[in-house]
Amino acid sequence: FMSETAAALCLSAAYRHAGDRMWQTLTLLFALVPCALVQLSLVFIHRDVSRDRPLVLLLHLLQLGPLV
């Protein structure tokens, strides 16, 4: 999960370096939107917010929720 996100960010940086803004934007969009949706589903399905566990919520906000 983390390596896929890192690869997408590296690819986006390569597109930016090449001056291809459209592919950079699409790469970021298709990489980060699913990550955010996964984190939101983990927060609401597992009800981590209601358990008063701020560390778990912080990990979800930093996109590290699947590691929990």
Protein backbone atom coordinates (compact mmCIF):
# COMPACT_ATOMS: atom_id res chain seq x y z
CA PHE A 1 0.00 0.00 0.00
CA MET A 2 2.71 2.44 0.98
CA SER A 3 4.96 1.45 -1.92
CA GLU A 4 2.14 2.02 -4.40
CA THR A 5 1.60 5.52 -3.03
CA ALA A 6 5.33 6.23 -3.08
CA ALA A 7 5.59 5.02 -6.68
CA ALA A 8 2.70 7.27 -7.70
CA LEU A 9 4.37 10.26 -6.04
CA CYS A 10 7.67 9.51 -7.78
CA LEU A 11 5.90 9.17 -11.12
CA SER A 12 4.09 12.45 -10.50
CA ALA A 13 7.42 14.14 -9.77
CA ALA A 14 8.82 12.75 -13.01
CA TYR A 15 5.84 14.13 -14.93
CA ARG A 16 6.34 17.51 -13.28
CA HIS A 17 10.03 17.49 -14.17
CA ALA A 18 9.11 16.69 -17.80
CA GLY A 19 6.58 19.53 -17.82
CA ASP A 20 3.54 17.33 -18.39
CA ARG A 21 0.99 18.85 -16.02
CA MET A 22 -2.01 16.86 -17.24
CA TRP A 23 -0.44 13.45 -16.54
CA GLN A 24 0.90 14.71 -13.21
CA THR A 25 -2.58 15.81 -12.16
CA LEU A 26 -4.18 12.55 -13.30
CA THR A 27 -1.55 10.48 -11.50
CA LEU A 28 -2.10 12.36 -8.25
CA LEU A 29 -5.86 12.18 -8.64
CA PHE A 30 -5.94 8.42 -9.28
CA ALA A 31 -3.43 7.74 -6.49
CA LEU A 32 -4.64 9.97 -3.68
CA VAL A 33 -8.43 9.83 -4.02
CA PRO A 34 -8.58 6.04 -3.47
CA CYS A 35 -6.20 6.41 -0.51
CA ALA A 36 -8.47 8.99 1.07
CA LEU A 37 -11.55 6.86 0.48
CA VAL A 38 -9.89 3.82 2.06
CA GLN A 39 -8.95 5.86 5.11
CA LEU A 40 -12.46 7.29 5.47
CA SER A 41 -14.00 3.85 5.21
CA LEU A 42 -11.60 2.50 7.84
CA VAL A 43 -12.44 5.36 10.19
CA PHE A 44 -16.20 4.97 9.86
CA ILE A 45 -16.49 1.20 9.54
CA HIS A 46 -14.20 0.40 12.44
CA ARG A 47 -15.51 3.38 14.44
CA ASP A 48 -12.03 4.43 15.52
CA VAL A 49 -13.25 7.94 16.26
CA SER A 50 -15.76 6.85 18.90
CA ARG A 51 -13.25 4.75 20.84
CA ASP A 52 -11.29 7.84 21.88
CA ARG A 53 -8.09 6.61 20.25
CA PRO A 54 -6.36 9.75 18.97
CA LEU A 55 -3.25 7.89 17.77
CA VAL A 56 -5.32 5.69 15.46
CA LEU A 57 -7.16 8.73 14.12
CA LEU A 58 -3.83 10.46 13.51
CA LEU A 59 -2.55 7.43 11.62
CA HIS A 60 -5.67 7.49 9.44
CA LEU A 61 -5.16 11.18 8.72
CA LEU A 62 -1.55 10.48 7.72
CA GLN A 63 -2.79 7.72 5.35
CA LEU A 64 -1.25 5.01 7.53
CA GLY A 65 -4.51 3.46 8.69
CA PRO A 66 -4.01 0.06 6.98
CA LEU A 67 -0.94 -0.51 9.12
CA VAL A 68 -3.12 -0.46 12.23
